[in-house]
């Protein structure tokens, strides 16, 4: 049975944009190859850390939300450990209420998106 998970990774801030994209693509592919379905992804960008990690004060944050068999999580986290570009990660199994909350939050964000160009008034 597949469970829905949320995984947030913090990447080293000294990486180039291309290196960040390559890292994200690597883990996206790993998740998909593990028999998972990607539900949602979000690039949170560069954020200040609550405390220094490896003498760094900032990091690139990225969120994966996916459904997967539980066996995949151990493999995914082993790959996180092996990749020197990943400073920290957190993967959690989502309960029904959390899944509903995330869906509601995404739907609300879609409705609030800024309008492209407003029509001039006469």
PDB file of N, CA and C in Angstrom:
ATOM      1  N   UNK A   1       0.835  -1.183   0.000  1.00  0.00           N
ATOM      2  CA  UNK A   1       0.000   0.000   0.000  1.00  0.00           C
ATOM      3  C   UNK A   1       0.885   1.254   0.000  1.00  0.00           C
ATOM      4  N   UNK A   2       0.469   2.236  -0.754  1.00  0.00           N
ATOM      5  CA  UNK A   2       1.225   3.480  -0.850  1.00  0.00           C
ATOM      6  C   UNK A   2       0.723   4.482   0.182  1.00  0.00           C
ATOM      7  N   UNK A   3       1.670   5.129   0.817  1.00  0.00           N
ATOM      8  CA  UNK A   3       1.391   6.167   1.791  1.00  0.00           C
ATOM      9  C   UNK A   3       1.838   7.490   1.192  1.00  0.00           C
ATOM     10  N   UNK A   4       1.198   8.574   1.587  1.00  0.00           N
ATOM     11  CA  UNK A   4       1.611   9.882   1.087  1.00  0.00           C
ATOM     12  C   UNK A   4       2.659  10.466   2.030  1.00  0.00           C
ATOM     13  N   UNK A   5       3.751  10.969   1.438  1.00  0.00           N
ATOM     14  CA  UNK A   5       4.867  11.521   2.188  1.00  0.00           C
ATOM     15  C   UNK A   5       5.153  12.940   1.735  1.00  0.00           C
ATOM     16  N   UNK A   6       5.843  13.652   2.619  1.00  0.00           N
ATOM     17  CA  UNK A   6       6.336  14.980   2.320  1.00  0.00           C
ATOM     18  C   UNK A   6       7.810  14.981   2.694  1.00  0.00           C
ATOM     19  N   UNK A   7       8.659  15.413   1.775  1.00  0.00           N
ATOM     20  CA  UNK A   7      10.090  15.432   2.027  1.00  0.00           C
ATOM     21  C   UNK A   7      10.638  16.816   1.692  1.00  0.00           C
ATOM     22  N   UNK A   8      11.259  17.449   2.682  1.00  0.00           N
ATOM     23  CA  UNK A   8      11.873  18.759   2.483  1.00  0.00           C
ATOM     24  C   UNK A   8      13.380  18.572   2.573  1.00  0.00           C
ATOM     25  N   UNK A   9      14.090  19.100   1.582  1.00  0.00           N
ATOM     26  CA  UNK A   9      15.550  19.026   1.593  1.00  0.00           C
ATOM     27  C   UNK A   9      16.120  20.438   1.611  1.00  0.00           C
ATOM     28  N   UNK A  10      17.282  20.567   2.257  1.00  0.00           N
ATOM     29  CA  UNK A  10      18.012  21.835   2.261  1.00  0.00           C
ATOM     30  C   UNK A  10      19.329  21.575   1.544  1.00  0.00           C
ATOM     31  N   UNK A  11      19.535  22.299   0.449  1.00  0.00           N
ATOM     32  CA  UNK A  11      20.742  22.141  -0.348  1.00  0.00           C
ATOM     33  C   UNK A  11      21.755  23.221   0.013  1.00  0.00           C
ATOM     34  N   UNK A  12      23.017  22.881  -0.193  1.00  0.00           N
ATOM     35  CA  UNK A  12      24.128  23.777   0.092  1.00  0.00           C
ATOM     36  C   UNK A  12      23.961  25.090  -0.691  1.00  0.00           C
ATOM     37  N   UNK A  13      24.110  26.253  -0.039  1.00  0.00           N
ATOM     38  CA  UNK A  13      23.888  27.532  -0.723  1.00  0.00           C
ATOM     39  C   UNK A  13      24.974  27.913  -1.728  1.00  0.00           C
ATOM     40  N   UNK A  14      26.114  27.233  -1.726  1.00  0.00           N
ATOM     41  CA  UNK A  14      27.185  27.584  -2.656  1.00  0.00           C
ATOM     42  C   UNK A  14      27.000  26.927  -4.029  1.00  0.00           C
ATOM     43  N   UNK A  15      25.960  26.131  -4.189  1.00  0.00           N
ATOM     44  CA  UNK A  15      25.702  25.466  -5.464  1.00  0.00           C
ATOM     45  C   UNK A  15      25.218  26.471  -6.500  1.00  0.00           C
ATOM     46  N   UNK A  16      25.569  26.222  -7.762  1.00  0.00           N
ATOM     47  CA  UNK A  16      25.047  27.049  -8.852  1.00  0.00           C
ATOM     48  C   UNK A  16      23.599  26.628  -9.113  1.00  0.00           C
ATOM     49  N   UNK A  17      22.866  27.450  -9.853  1.00  0.00           N
ATOM     50  CA  UNK A  17      21.476  27.114 -10.179  1.00  0.00           C
ATOM     51  C   UNK A  17      21.408  25.784 -10.926  1.00  0.00           C
ATOM     52  N   UNK A  18      22.364  25.541 -11.810  1.00  0.00           N
ATOM     53  CA  UNK A  18      22.400  24.291 -12.565  1.00  0.00           C
ATOM     54  C   UNK A  18      22.616  23.099 -11.628  1.00  0.00           C
ATOM     55  N   UNK A  19      23.506  23.228 -10.661  1.00  0.00           N
ATOM     56  CA  UNK A  19      23.763  22.137  -9.714  1.00  0.00           C
ATOM     57  C   UNK A  19      22.526  21.858  -8.852  1.00  0.00           C
ATOM     58  N   UNK A  20      21.820  22.916  -8.458  1.00  0.00           N
ATOM     59  CA  UNK A  20      20.581  22.741  -7.689  1.00  0.00           C
ATOM     60  C   UNK A  20      19.567  21.973  -8.525  1.00  0.00           C
ATOM     61  N   UNK A  21      19.378  22.379  -9.776  1.00  0.00           N
ATOM     62  CA  UNK A  21      18.423  21.713 -10.663  1.00  0.00           C
ATOM     63  C   UNK A  21      18.802  20.251 -10.898  1.00  0.00           C
ATOM     64  N   UNK A  22      20.098  19.976 -11.091  1.00  0.00           N
ATOM     65  CA  UNK A  22      20.554  18.594 -11.286  1.00  0.00           C
ATOM     66  C   UNK A  22      20.263  17.743 -10.051  1.00  0.00           C
ATOM     67  N   UNK A  23      20.474  18.305  -8.877  1.00  0.00           N
ATOM     68  CA  UNK A  23      20.223  17.584  -7.626  1.00  0.00           C
ATOM     69  C   UNK A  23      18.736  17.287  -7.477  1.00  0.00           C
ATOM     70  N   UNK A  24      17.904  18.286  -7.718  1.00  0.00           N
ATOM     71  CA  UNK A  24      16.447  18.104  -7.617  1.00  0.00           C
ATOM     72  C   UNK A  24      15.985  17.061  -8.633  1.00  0.00           C
ATOM     73  N   UNK A  25      16.486  17.144  -9.866  1.00  0.00           N
ATOM     74  CA  UNK A  25      16.129  16.166 -10.899  1.00  0.00           C
ATOM     75  C   UNK A  25      16.531  14.750 -10.487  1.00  0.00           C
ATOM     76  N   UNK A  26      17.697  14.626  -9.868  1.00  0.00           N
ATOM     77  CA  UNK A  26      18.181  13.305  -9.420  1.00  0.00           C
ATOM     78  C   UNK A  26      17.192  12.688  -8.431  1.00  0.00           C
ATOM     79  N   UNK A  27      16.769  13.473  -7.444  1.00  0.00           N
ATOM     80  CA  UNK A  27      15.871  12.930  -6.420  1.00  0.00           C
ATOM     81  C   UNK A  27      14.446  12.773  -6.939  1.00  0.00           C
ATOM     82  N   UNK A  28      14.014  13.643  -7.838  1.00  0.00           N
ATOM     83  CA  UNK A  28      12.702  13.492  -8.469  1.00  0.00           C
ATOM     84  C   UNK A  28      12.657  12.158  -9.228  1.00  0.00           C
ATOM     85  N   UNK A  29      13.727  11.861  -9.973  1.00  0.00           N
ATOM     86  CA  UNK A  29      13.794  10.616 -10.729  1.00  0.00           C
ATOM     87  C   UNK A  29      13.851   9.404  -9.805  1.00  0.00           C
ATOM     88  N   UNK A  30      14.596   9.501  -8.722  1.00  0.00           N
ATOM     89  CA  UNK A  30      14.687   8.421  -7.748  1.00  0.00           C
ATOM     90  C   UNK A  30      13.310   8.099  -7.168  1.00  0.00           C
ATOM     91  N   UNK A  31      12.554   9.138  -6.856  1.00  0.00           N
ATOM     92  CA  UNK A  31      11.200   8.948  -6.316  1.00  0.00           C
ATOM     93  C   UNK A  31      10.304   8.286  -7.357  1.00  0.00           C
ATOM     94  N   UNK A  32      10.350   8.768  -8.583  1.00  0.00           N
ATOM     95  CA  UNK A  32       9.507   8.197  -9.646  1.00  0.00           C
ATOM     96  C   UNK A  32       9.910   6.767  -9.972  1.00  0.00           C
ATOM     97  N   UNK A  33      11.215   6.487 -10.007  1.00  0.00           N
ATOM     98  CA  UNK A  33      11.692   5.136 -10.306  1.00  0.00           C
ATOM     99  C   UNK A  33      11.326   4.144  -9.211  1.00  0.00           C
ATOM    100  N   UNK A  34      11.061   4.632  -8.011  1.00  0.00           N
ATOM    101  CA  UNK A  34      10.694   3.771  -6.887  1.00  0.00           C
ATOM    102  C   UNK A  34       9.225   3.386  -6.882  1.00  0.00           C
ATOM    103  N   UNK A  35       8.513   3.688  -7.956  1.00  0.00           N
ATOM    104  CA  UNK A  35       7.101   3.338  -8.043  1.00  0.00           C
ATOM    105  C   UNK A  35       6.194   4.350  -7.377  1.00  0.00           C
ATOM    106  N   UNK A  36       6.641   5.596  -7.334  1.00  0.00           N
ATOM    107  CA  UNK A  36       5.886   6.647  -6.657  1.00  0.00           C
ATOM    108  C   UNK A  36       5.203   7.569  -7.653  1.00  0.00           C
ATOM    109  N   UNK A  37       4.192   8.245  -7.156  1.00  0.00           N
ATOM    110  CA  UNK A  37       3.517   9.289  -7.929  1.00  0.00           C
ATOM    111  C   UNK A  37       3.780  10.621  -7.244  1.00  0.00           C
ATOM    112  N   UNK A  38       4.283  11.576  -8.007  1.00  0.00           N
ATOM    113  CA  UNK A  38       4.549  12.901  -7.464  1.00  0.00           C
ATOM    114  C   UNK A  38       3.217  13.632  -7.350  1.00  0.00           C
ATOM    115  N   UNK A  39       2.904  14.128  -6.173  1.00  0.00           N
ATOM    116  CA  UNK A  39       1.661  14.861  -5.936  1.00  0.00           C
ATOM    117  C   UNK A  39       1.898  16.354  -6.126  1.00  0.00           C
ATOM    118  N   UNK A  40       3.011  16.854  -5.578  1.00  0.00           N
ATOM    119  CA  UNK A  40       3.284  18.284  -5.615  1.00  0.00           C
ATOM    120  C   UNK A  40       4.770  18.512  -5.356  1.00  0.00           C
ATOM    121  N   UNK A  41       5.303  19.554  -5.980  1.00  0.00           N
ATOM    122  CA  UNK A  41       6.680  19.978  -5.735  1.00  0.00           C
ATOM    123  C   UNK A  41       6.679  21.488  -5.561  1.00  0.00           C
ATOM    124  N   UNK A  42       7.568  21.979  -4.724  1.00  0.00           N
ATOM    125  CA  UNK A  42       7.640  23.418  -4.518  1.00  0.00           C
ATOM    126  C   UNK A  42       9.073  23.834  -4.210  1.00  0.00           C
ATOM    127  N   UNK A  43       9.558  24.792  -4.963  1.00  0.00           N
ATOM    128  CA  UNK A  43      10.882  25.365  -4.739  1.00  0.00           C
ATOM    129  C   UNK A  43      10.702  26.565  -3.822  1.00  0.00           C
ATOM    130  N   UNK A  44      11.151  26.441  -2.583  1.00  0.00           N
ATOM    131  CA  UNK A  44      11.014  27.531  -1.624  1.00  0.00           C
ATOM    132  C   UNK A  44      12.134  28.547  -1.764  1.00  0.00           C
ATOM    133  N   UNK A  45      13.167  28.207  -2.513  1.00  0.00           N
ATOM    134  CA  UNK A  45      14.262  29.131  -2.751  1.00  0.00           C
ATOM    135  C   UNK A  45      15.252  29.213  -1.591  1.00  0.00           C
ATOM    136  N   UNK A  46      16.054  30.260  -1.627  1.00  0.00           N
ATOM    137  CA  UNK A  46      17.082  30.478  -0.604  1.00  0.00           C
ATOM    138  C   UNK A  46      16.431  31.046   0.648  1.00  0.00           C
ATOM    139  N   UNK A  47      16.697  30.396   1.774  1.00  0.00           N
ATOM    140  CA  UNK A  47      16.140  30.830   3.062  1.00  0.00           C
ATOM    141  C   UNK A  47      17.249  30.882   4.099  1.00  0.00           C
ATOM    142  N   UNK A  48      17.057  31.745   5.085  1.00  0.00           N
ATOM    143  CA  UNK A  48      17.988  31.803   6.206  1.00  0.00           C
ATOM    144  C   UNK A  48      17.700  30.618   7.126  1.00  0.00           C
ATOM    145  N   UNK A  49      18.754  29.963   7.596  1.00  0.00           N
ATOM    146  CA  UNK A  49      18.610  28.827   8.495  1.00  0.00           C
ATOM    147  C   UNK A  49      18.399  29.311   9.926  1.00  0.00           C
ATOM    148  N   UNK A  50      17.728  28.507  10.717  1.00  0.00           N
ATOM    149  CA  UNK A  50      17.504  28.846  12.126  1.00  0.00           C
ATOM    150  C   UNK A  50      18.823  28.819  12.903  1.00  0.00           C
ATOM    151  N   UNK A  51      19.734  27.971  12.463  1.00  0.00           N
ATOM    152  CA  UNK A  51      21.056  27.867  13.085  1.00  0.00           C
ATOM    153  C   UNK A  51      22.037  27.431  12.001  1.00  0.00           C
ATOM    154  N   UNK A  52      23.319  27.749  12.145  1.00  0.00           N
ATOM    155  CA  UNK A  52      24.293  27.374  11.113  1.00  0.00           C
ATOM    156  C   UNK A  52      24.410  25.848  10.950  1.00  0.00           C
ATOM    157  N   UNK A  53      24.501  25.424   9.704  1.00  0.00           N
ATOM    158  CA  UNK A  53      24.735  24.018   9.364  1.00  0.00           C
ATOM    159  C   UNK A  53      25.970  24.000   8.480  1.00  0.00           C
ATOM    160  N   UNK A  54      26.982  23.248   8.885  1.00  0.00           N
ATOM    161  CA  UNK A  54      28.242  23.185   8.143  1.00  0.00           C
ATOM    162  C   UNK A  54      28.797  24.595   7.889  1.00  0.00           C
ATOM    163  N   UNK A  55      28.666  25.458   8.893  1.00  0.00           N
ATOM    164  CA  UNK A  55      29.123  26.849   8.853  1.00  0.00           C
ATOM    165  C   UNK A  55      28.390  27.691   7.806  1.00  0.00           C
ATOM    166  N   UNK A  56      27.250  27.247   7.350  1.00  0.00           N
ATOM    167  CA  UNK A  56      26.431  27.978   6.378  1.00  0.00           C
ATOM    168  C   UNK A  56      25.224  28.556   7.112  1.00  0.00           C
ATOM    169  N   UNK A  57      24.824  29.770   6.726  1.00  0.00           N
ATOM    170  CA  UNK A  57      23.690  30.426   7.374  1.00  0.00           C
ATOM    171  C   UNK A  57      22.433  30.439   6.514  1.00  0.00           C
ATOM    172  N   UNK A  58      22.567  29.993   5.250  1.00  0.00           N
ATOM    173  CA  UNK A  58      21.426  29.936   4.342  1.00  0.00           C
ATOM    174  C   UNK A  58      21.443  28.591   3.608  1.00  0.00           C
ATOM    175  N   UNK A  59      20.346  28.286   2.919  1.00  0.00           N
ATOM    176  CA  UNK A  59      20.275  27.064   2.135  1.00  0.00           C
ATOM    177  C   UNK A  59      19.111  27.129   1.161  1.00  0.00           C
ATOM    178  N   UNK A  60      19.176  26.330   0.107  1.00  0.00           N
ATOM    179  CA  UNK A  60      18.075  26.215  -0.848  1.00  0.00           C
ATOM    180  C   UNK A  60      17.105  25.160  -0.327  1.00  0.00           C
ATOM    181  N   UNK A  61      15.847  25.537  -0.164  1.00  0.00           N
ATOM    182  CA  UNK A  61      14.820  24.616   0.326  1.00  0.00           C
ATOM    183  C   UNK A  61      13.983  24.111  -0.845  1.00  0.00           C
ATOM    184  N   UNK A  62      13.675  22.812  -0.813  1.00  0.00           N
ATOM    185  CA  UNK A  62      12.820  22.224  -1.849  1.00  0.00           C
ATOM    186  C   UNK A  62      11.917  21.187  -1.211  1.00  0.00           C
ATOM    187  N   UNK A  63      10.642  21.173  -1.626  1.00  0.00           N
ATOM    188  CA  UNK A  63       9.641  20.265  -1.076  1.00  0.00           C
ATOM    189  C   UNK A  63       9.173  19.279  -2.139  1.00  0.00           C
ATOM    190  N   UNK A  64       9.137  17.999  -1.784  1.00  0.00           N
ATOM    191  CA  UNK A  64       8.520  16.952  -2.603  1.00  0.00           C
ATOM    192  C   UNK A  64       7.336  16.403  -1.815  1.00  0.00           C
ATOM    193  N   UNK A  65       6.180  16.270  -2.451  1.00  0.00           N
ATOM    194  CA  UNK A  65       5.045  15.575  -1.837  1.00  0.00           C
ATOM    195  C   UNK A  65       4.682  14.454  -2.797  1.00  0.00           C
ATOM    196  N   UNK A  66       4.673  13.216  -2.303  1.00  0.00           N
ATOM    197  CA  UNK A  66       4.506  12.063  -3.184  1.00  0.00           C
ATOM    198  C   UNK A  66       3.873  10.889  -2.446  1.00  0.00           C
ATOM    199  N   UNK A  67       3.303   9.967  -3.223  1.00  0.00           N
ATOM    200  CA  UNK A  67       2.822   8.710  -2.664  1.00  0.00           C
ATOM    201  C   UNK A  67       3.848   7.650  -3.022  1.00  0.00           C
ATOM    202  N   UNK A  68       4.163   6.775  -2.060  1.00  0.00           N
ATOM    203  CA  UNK A  68       5.222   5.795  -2.285  1.00  0.00           C
ATOM    204  C   UNK A  68       5.052   4.602  -1.362  1.00  0.00           C
ATOM    205  N   UNK A  69       5.624   3.465  -1.767  1.00  0.00           N
ATOM    206  CA  UNK A  69       5.693   2.333  -0.839  1.00  0.00           C
ATOM    207  C   UNK A  69       6.700   2.675   0.262  1.00  0.00           C
ATOM    208  N   UNK A  70       6.480   2.168   1.450  1.00  0.00           N
ATOM    209  CA  UNK A  70       7.328   2.530   2.596  1.00  0.00           C
ATOM    210  C   UNK A  70       8.789   2.125   2.396  1.00  0.00           C
ATOM    211  N   UNK A  71       9.062   1.104   1.588  1.00  0.00           N
ATOM    212  CA  UNK A  71      10.440   0.655   1.357  1.00  0.00           C
ATOM    213  C   UNK A  71      11.279   1.731   0.666  1.00  0.00           C
ATOM    214  N   UNK A  72      10.618   2.594  -0.100  1.00  0.00           N
ATOM    215  CA  UNK A  72      11.348   3.616  -0.850  1.00  0.00           C
ATOM    216  C   UNK A  72      11.979   4.663   0.074  1.00  0.00           C
ATOM    217  N   UNK A  73      11.359   4.923   1.213  1.00  0.00           N
ATOM    218  CA  UNK A  73      11.823   5.996   2.088  1.00  0.00           C
ATOM    219  C   UNK A  73      13.237   5.728   2.598  1.00  0.00           C
ATOM    220  N   UNK A  74      13.528   4.499   3.006  1.00  0.00           N
ATOM    221  CA  UNK A  74      14.876   4.169   3.479  1.00  0.00           C
ATOM    222  C   UNK A  74      15.904   4.380   2.366  1.00  0.00           C
ATOM    223  N   UNK A  75      15.561   3.966   1.154  1.00  0.00           N
ATOM    224  CA  UNK A  75      16.466   4.141   0.016  1.00  0.00           C
ATOM    225  C   UNK A  75      16.670   5.632  -0.288  1.00  0.00           C
ATOM    226  N   UNK A  76      15.587   6.397  -0.248  1.00  0.00           N
ATOM    227  CA  UNK A  76      15.655   7.826  -0.517  1.00  0.00           C
ATOM    228  C   UNK A  76      16.536   8.530   0.516  1.00  0.00           C
ATOM    229  N   UNK A  77      16.337   8.213   1.791  1.00  0.00           N
ATOM    230  CA  UNK A  77      17.116   8.873   2.831  1.00  0.00           C
ATOM    231  C   UNK A  77      18.583   8.451   2.811  1.00  0.00           C
ATOM    232  N   UNK A  78      18.867   7.223   2.389  1.00  0.00           N
ATOM    233  CA  UNK A  78      20.261   6.802   2.218  1.00  0.00           C
ATOM    234  C   UNK A  78      20.923   7.641   1.131  1.00  0.00           C
ATOM    235  N   UNK A  79      20.194   7.900   0.056  1.00  0.00           N
ATOM    236  CA  UNK A  79      20.737   8.740  -1.021  1.00  0.00           C
ATOM    237  C   UNK A  79      20.923  10.180  -0.556  1.00  0.00           C
ATOM    238  N   UNK A  80      20.010  10.676   0.287  1.00  0.00           N
ATOM    239  CA  UNK A  80      20.184  12.023   0.856  1.00  0.00           C
ATOM    240  C   UNK A  80      21.492  12.081   1.636  1.00  0.00           C
ATOM    241  N   UNK A  81      21.758  11.056   2.451  1.00  0.00           N
ATOM    242  CA  UNK A  81      22.979  11.017   3.264  1.00  0.00           C
ATOM    243  C   UNK A  81      24.235  11.007   2.398  1.00  0.00           C
ATOM    244  N   UNK A  82      24.178  10.286   1.296  1.00  0.00           N
ATOM    245  CA  UNK A  82      25.353  10.123   0.428  1.00  0.00           C
ATOM    246  C   UNK A  82      25.658  11.356  -0.407  1.00  0.00           C
ATOM    247  N   UNK A  83      24.653  12.181  -0.648  1.00  0.00           N
ATOM    248  CA  UNK A  83      24.832  13.334  -1.534  1.00  0.00           C
ATOM    249  C   UNK A  83      25.361  14.529  -0.730  1.00  0.00           C
ATOM    250  N   UNK A  84      26.558  14.962  -1.050  1.00  0.00           N
ATOM    251  CA  UNK A  84      27.186  16.056  -0.301  1.00  0.00           C
ATOM    252  C   UNK A  84      26.503  17.398  -0.534  1.00  0.00           C
ATOM    253  N   UNK A  85      25.655  17.492  -1.554  1.00  0.00           N
ATOM    254  CA  UNK A  85      24.955  18.748  -1.829  1.00  0.00           C
ATOM    255  C   UNK A  85      23.764  18.954  -0.890  1.00  0.00           C
ATOM    256  N   UNK A  86      23.296  17.875  -0.235  1.00  0.00           N
ATOM    257  CA  UNK A  86      22.170  17.944   0.701  1.00  0.00           C
ATOM    258  C   UNK A  86      22.719  18.167   2.109  1.00  0.00           C
ATOM    259  N   UNK A  87      22.300  19.265   2.742  1.00  0.00           N
ATOM    260  CA  UNK A  87      22.767  19.551   4.102  1.00  0.00           C
ATOM    261  C   UNK A  87      21.839  18.924   5.148  1.00  0.00           C
ATOM    262  N   UNK A  88      20.535  18.996   4.930  1.00  0.00           N
ATOM    263  CA  UNK A  88      19.547  18.417   5.843  1.00  0.00           C
ATOM    264  C   UNK A  88      18.331  17.983   5.040  1.00  0.00           C
ATOM    265  N   UNK A  89      17.546  17.083   5.640  1.00  0.00           N
ATOM    266  CA  UNK A  89      16.291  16.657   5.033  1.00  0.00           C
ATOM    267  C   UNK A  89      15.360  16.198   6.135  1.00  0.00           C
ATOM    268  N   UNK A  90      14.080  16.189   5.803  1.00  0.00           N
ATOM    269  CA  UNK A  90      13.072  15.658   6.711  1.00  0.00           C
ATOM    270  C   UNK A  90      11.969  15.059   5.862  1.00  0.00           C
ATOM    271  N   UNK A  91      11.692  13.788   6.074  1.00  0.00           N
ATOM    272  CA  UNK A  91      10.616  13.100   5.366  1.00  0.00           C
ATOM    273  C   UNK A  91       9.599  12.640   6.387  1.00  0.00           C
ATOM    274  N   UNK A  92       8.335  12.989   6.145  1.00  0.00           N
ATOM    275  CA  UNK A  92       7.271  12.594   7.065  1.00  0.00           C
ATOM    276  C   UNK A  92       6.126  11.962   6.308  1.00  0.00           C
ATOM    277  N   UNK A  93       5.484  10.993   6.950  1.00  0.00           N
ATOM    278  CA  UNK A  93       4.266  10.388   6.407  1.00  0.00           C
ATOM    279  C   UNK A  93       3.107  11.309   6.773  1.00  0.00           C
ATOM    280  N   UNK A  94       2.255  11.593   5.807  1.00  0.00           N
ATOM    281  CA  UNK A  94       1.135  12.496   6.038  1.00  0.00           C
ATOM    282  C   UNK A  94      -0.116  11.724   6.429  1.00  0.00           C
ATOM    283  N   UNK A  95      -0.811  12.232   7.428  1.00  0.00           N
ATOM    284  CA  UNK A  95      -2.083  11.658   7.828  1.00  0.00           C
ATOM    285  C   UNK A  95      -3.191  12.287   6.985  1.00  0.00           C
ATOM    286  N   UNK A  96      -4.395  11.743   7.078  1.00  0.00           N
ATOM    287  CA  UNK A  96      -5.518  12.231   6.274  1.00  0.00           C
ATOM    288  C   UNK A  96      -5.733  13.735   6.422  1.00  0.00           C
ATOM    289  N   UNK A  97      -5.666  14.217   7.648  1.00  0.00           N
ATOM    290  CA  UNK A  97      -5.906  15.641   7.896  1.00  0.00           C
ATOM    291  C   UNK A  97      -4.834  16.506   7.237  1.00  0.00           C
ATOM    292  N   UNK A  98      -3.593  16.065   7.275  1.00  0.00           N
ATOM    293  CA  UNK A  98      -2.496  16.814   6.666  1.00  0.00           C
ATOM    294  C   UNK A  98      -2.636  16.840   5.141  1.00  0.00           C
ATOM    295  N   UNK A  99      -3.063  15.725   4.568  1.00  0.00           N
ATOM    296  CA  UNK A  99      -3.264  15.663   3.117  1.00  0.00           C
ATOM    297  C   UNK A  99      -4.361  16.640   2.707  1.00  0.00           C
ATOM    298  N   UNK A 100      -5.468  16.639   3.449  1.00  0.00           N
ATOM    299  CA  UNK A 100      -6.573  17.563   3.160  1.00  0.00           C
ATOM    300  C   UNK A 100      -6.124  19.010   3.317  1.00  0.00           C
ATOM    301  N   UNK A 101      -5.353  19.283   4.366  1.00  0.00           N
ATOM    302  CA  UNK A 101      -4.858  20.637   4.599  1.00  0.00           C
ATOM    303  C   UNK A 101      -3.978  21.099   3.433  1.00  0.00           C
ATOM    304  N   UNK A 102      -3.049  20.237   2.985  1.00  0.00           N
ATOM    305  CA  UNK A 102      -2.159  20.597   1.872  1.00  0.00           C
ATOM    306  C   UNK A 102      -2.950  20.870   0.594  1.00  0.00           C
ATOM    307  N   UNK A 103      -3.963  20.040   0.303  1.00  0.00           N
ATOM    308  CA  UNK A 103      -4.789  20.237  -0.882  1.00  0.00           C
ATOM    309  C   UNK A 103      -5.541  21.561  -0.793  1.00  0.00           C
ATOM    310  N   UNK A 104      -6.104  21.836   0.379  1.00  0.00           N
ATOM    311  CA  UNK A 104      -6.854  23.075   0.590  1.00  0.00           C
ATOM    312  C   UNK A 104      -5.934  24.284   0.413  1.00  0.00           C
ATOM    313  N   UNK A 105      -4.720  24.199   0.950  1.00  0.00           N
ATOM    314  CA  UNK A 105      -3.748  25.287   0.839  1.00  0.00           C
ATOM    315  C   UNK A 105      -3.366  25.531  -0.627  1.00  0.00           C
ATOM    316  N   UNK A 106      -3.149  24.446  -1.383  1.00  0.00           N
ATOM    317  CA  UNK A 106      -2.797  24.589  -2.806  1.00  0.00           C
ATOM    318  C   UNK A 106      -3.943  25.203  -3.597  1.00  0.00           C
ATOM    319  N   UNK A 107      -5.177  24.754  -3.337  1.00  0.00           N
ATOM    320  CA  UNK A 107      -6.343  25.297  -4.046  1.00  0.00           C
ATOM    321  C   UNK A 107      -6.537  26.772  -3.735  1.00  0.00           C
ATOM    322  N   UNK A 108      -6.312  27.143  -2.489  1.00  0.00           N
ATOM    323  CA  UNK A 108      -6.443  28.546  -2.086  1.00  0.00           C
ATOM    324  C   UNK A 108      -5.378  29.386  -2.776  1.00  0.00           C
ATOM    325  N   UNK A 109      -4.160  28.863  -2.880  1.00  0.00           N
ATOM    326  CA  UNK A 109      -3.065  29.592  -3.535  1.00  0.00           C
ATOM    327  C   UNK A 109      -3.364  29.806  -5.020  1.00  0.00           C
ATOM    328  N   UNK A 110      -3.996  28.822  -5.660  1.00  0.00           N
ATOM    329  CA  UNK A 110      -4.354  28.964  -7.078  1.00  0.00           C
ATOM    330  C   UNK A 110      -5.365  30.084  -7.276  1.00  0.00           C
ATOM    331  N   UNK A 111      -6.304  30.219  -6.337  1.00  0.00           N
ATOM    332  CA  UNK A 111      -7.348  31.242  -6.454  1.00  0.00           C
ATOM    333  C   UNK A 111      -6.805  32.642  -6.218  1.00  0.00           C
ATOM    334  N   UNK A 112      -5.737  32.776  -5.445  1.00  0.00           N
ATOM    335  CA  UNK A 112      -5.201  34.074  -5.064  1.00  0.00           C
ATOM    336  C   UNK A 112      -4.092  34.550  -5.995  1.00  0.00           C
ATOM    337  N   UNK A 113      -3.723  33.741  -7.005  1.00  0.00           N
ATOM    338  CA  UNK A 113      -2.636  34.131  -7.904  1.00  0.00           C
ATOM    339  C   UNK A 113      -2.906  35.523  -8.468  1.00  0.00           C
ATOM    340  N   UNK A 114      -1.873  36.355  -8.549  1.00  0.00           N
ATOM    341  CA  UNK A 114      -2.074  37.725  -9.036  1.00  0.00           C
ATOM    342  C   UNK A 114      -2.509  37.740 -10.493  1.00  0.00           C
ATOM    343  N   UNK A 115      -3.335  38.731 -10.818  1.00  0.00           N
ATOM    344  CA  UNK A 115      -3.788  38.880 -12.202  1.00  0.00           C
ATOM    345  C   UNK A 115      -2.616  39.322 -13.056  1.00  0.00           C
ATOM    346  N   UNK A 116      -2.619  38.911 -14.325  1.00  0.00           N
ATOM    347  CA  UNK A 116      -1.500  39.230 -15.201  1.00  0.00           C
ATOM    348  C   UNK A 116      -1.468  40.725 -15.501  1.00  0.00           C
ATOM    349  N   UNK A 117      -2.345  41.225 -16.330  1.00  0.00           N
ATOM    350  CA  UNK A 117      -2.382  42.655 -16.606  1.00  0.00           C
ATOM    351  C   UNK A 117      -3.795  43.129 -16.395  1.00  0.00           C
ATOM    352  N   UNK A 118      -3.925  44.192 -15.642  1.00  0.00           N
ATOM    353  CA  UNK A 118      -5.262  44.727 -15.427  1.00  0.00           C
ATOM    354  C   UNK A 118      -5.601  45.669 -16.583  1.00  0.00           C
ATOM    355  N   UNK A 119      -6.882  45.722 -16.885  1.00  0.00           N
ATOM    356  CA  UNK A 119      -7.310  46.586 -17.992  1.00  0.00           C
ATOM    357  C   UNK A 119      -7.290  48.030 -17.529  1.00  0.00           C
ATOM    358  N   UNK A 120      -6.828  48.922 -18.400  1.00  0.00           N
ATOM    359  CA  UNK A 120      -6.801  50.337 -18.009  1.00  0.00           C
ATOM    360  C   UNK A 120      -8.215  50.890 -17.894  1.00  0.00           C
ATOM    361  N   UNK A 121      -8.419  51.755 -16.943  1.00  0.00           N
ATOM    362  CA  UNK A 121      -9.733  52.381 -16.791  1.00  0.00           C
ATOM    363  C   UNK A 121      -9.732  53.718 -17.482  1.00  0.00           C
ATOM    364  N   UNK A 122     -10.876  54.113 -18.003  1.00  0.00           N
ATOM    365  CA  UNK A 122     -10.970  55.378 -18.755  1.00  0.00           C
ATOM    366  C   UNK A 122     -11.352  56.513 -17.869  1.00  0.00           C
TER     367      UNK A 122
END
